[in-house]
Amino acid sequence: MPNIKSAKKRVLVNQKKANINKSDKSEVRTYIKNFNALLDAGNLEEAQAALPATMAALDKAVTKGVYAKNTAANKKSGLMKRFNALKASK
């Protein structure tokens, strides 16, 4: 544990930020998990409806600095690839 007052504050601020980032990442993972579950179940219409919310969650995480821009782009690309593959197979 640090002895200097400013260092103690940094520890507290870093913990708070880490918890916020953890929460935001968890939210994005939940959106992705729900979207993937819809794809696995073959619910194309519901997946189509959930897609904008999932993409928005990823974009919001990038804006907040939780994910890097390219990381979110790769995740979005993977989701779209799965969605389009399912769409093409039906």
Protein backbone atom coordinates (compact mmCIF):
# COMPACT_ATOMS: atom_id res chain seq x y z
CA MET A 1 0.00 0.00 0.00
CA PRO A 2 1.39 3.41 -0.89
CA ASN A 3 2.31 5.94 1.78
CA ILE A 4 1.93 9.14 -0.20
CA LYS A 5 -1.53 10.70 -0.27
CA SER A 6 -1.63 11.15 -4.07
CA ALA A 7 -0.49 7.57 -4.60
CA LYS A 8 -3.24 6.34 -2.28
CA LYS A 9 -5.76 8.32 -4.30
CA ARG A 10 -4.43 6.85 -7.56
CA VAL A 11 -4.98 3.35 -6.18
CA LEU A 12 -8.58 4.17 -5.31
CA VAL A 13 -9.24 5.85 -8.67
CA ASN A 14 -7.68 2.94 -10.56
CA GLN A 15 -9.83 0.43 -8.67
CA LYS A 16 -12.95 2.45 -9.43
CA LYS A 17 -12.07 2.71 -13.13
CA ALA A 18 -11.24 -1.00 -13.30
CA ASN A 19 -14.66 -1.85 -11.85
CA ILE A 20 -16.41 0.41 -14.35
CA ASN A 21 -14.46 -1.11 -17.26
CA LYS A 22 -15.22 -4.60 -15.98
CA SER A 23 -18.91 -3.77 -15.87
CA ASP A 24 -18.87 -2.31 -19.38
CA LYS A 25 -17.02 -5.34 -20.79
CA SER A 26 -19.49 -7.64 -19.10
CA GLU A 27 -22.39 -5.76 -20.68
CA VAL A 28 -20.86 -6.09 -24.15
CA ARG A 29 -20.17 -9.79 -23.62
CA THR A 30 -23.80 -10.28 -22.59
CA TYR A 31 -25.05 -8.62 -25.79
CA ILE A 32 -22.69 -10.80 -27.85
CA LYS A 33 -23.69 -13.95 -25.97
CA ASN A 34 -27.40 -13.25 -26.49
CA PHE A 35 -26.85 -12.51 -30.19
CA ASN A 36 -24.86 -15.73 -30.64
CA ALA A 37 -27.58 -17.69 -28.81
CA LEU A 38 -30.15 -16.36 -31.27
CA LEU A 39 -27.92 -17.39 -34.18
CA ASP A 40 -27.40 -20.86 -32.70
CA ALA A 41 -31.15 -21.26 -32.29
CA GLY A 42 -31.66 -20.17 -35.90
CA ASN A 43 -33.86 -17.19 -35.03
CA LEU A 44 -32.89 -15.00 -37.95
CA GLU A 45 -35.58 -12.37 -37.39
CA GLU A 46 -34.78 -11.94 -33.71
CA ALA A 47 -31.05 -11.89 -34.46
CA GLN A 48 -31.69 -9.19 -37.08
CA ALA A 49 -33.49 -7.15 -34.41
CA ALA A 50 -30.73 -7.68 -31.81
CA LEU A 51 -27.91 -6.82 -34.21
CA PRO A 52 -28.13 -2.99 -33.96
CA ALA A 53 -28.15 -3.09 -30.15
CA THR A 54 -25.12 -5.38 -30.12
CA MET A 55 -23.21 -3.16 -32.54
CA ALA A 56 -24.17 -0.07 -30.55
CA ALA A 57 -22.89 -1.66 -27.34
CA LEU A 58 -19.54 -2.34 -29.01
CA ASP A 59 -19.35 1.21 -30.37
CA LYS A 60 -20.22 2.62 -26.96
CA ALA A 61 -17.43 0.55 -25.36
CA VAL A 62 -14.96 1.99 -27.88
CA THR A 63 -16.14 5.51 -27.09
CA LYS A 64 -15.64 4.88 -23.37
CA GLY A 65 -12.16 3.48 -24.02
CA VAL A 66 -12.98 -0.02 -22.82
CA TYR A 67 -12.10 -1.63 -26.17
CA ALA A 68 -9.66 -0.51 -28.83
CA LYS A 69 -11.20 0.51 -32.14
CA ASN A 70 -9.77 -2.45 -34.06
CA THR A 71 -10.78 -4.95 -31.37
CA ALA A 72 -14.39 -3.83 -31.63
CA ALA A 73 -14.17 -3.87 -35.42
CA ASN A 74 -12.92 -7.47 -35.33
CA LYS A 75 -15.73 -8.50 -32.98
CA LYS A 76 -18.33 -6.78 -35.17
CA SER A 77 -16.87 -8.40 -38.27
CA GLY A 78 -17.07 -11.84 -36.69
CA LEU A 79 -20.68 -11.32 -35.66
CA MET A 80 -21.64 -10.13 -39.13
CA LYS A 81 -19.81 -13.05 -40.73
CA ARG A 82 -21.80 -15.54 -38.61
CA PHE A 83 -25.05 -13.67 -39.25
CA ASN A 84 -24.52 -13.53 -43.03
CA ALA A 85 -23.54 -17.21 -43.14
CA LEU A 86 -26.77 -18.16 -41.39
CA LYS A 87 -28.74 -15.82 -43.64
CA ALA A 88 -27.21 -17.35 -46.76
CA SER A 89 -27.88 -20.91 -45.59
CA LYS A 90 -31.61 -20.26 -45.14
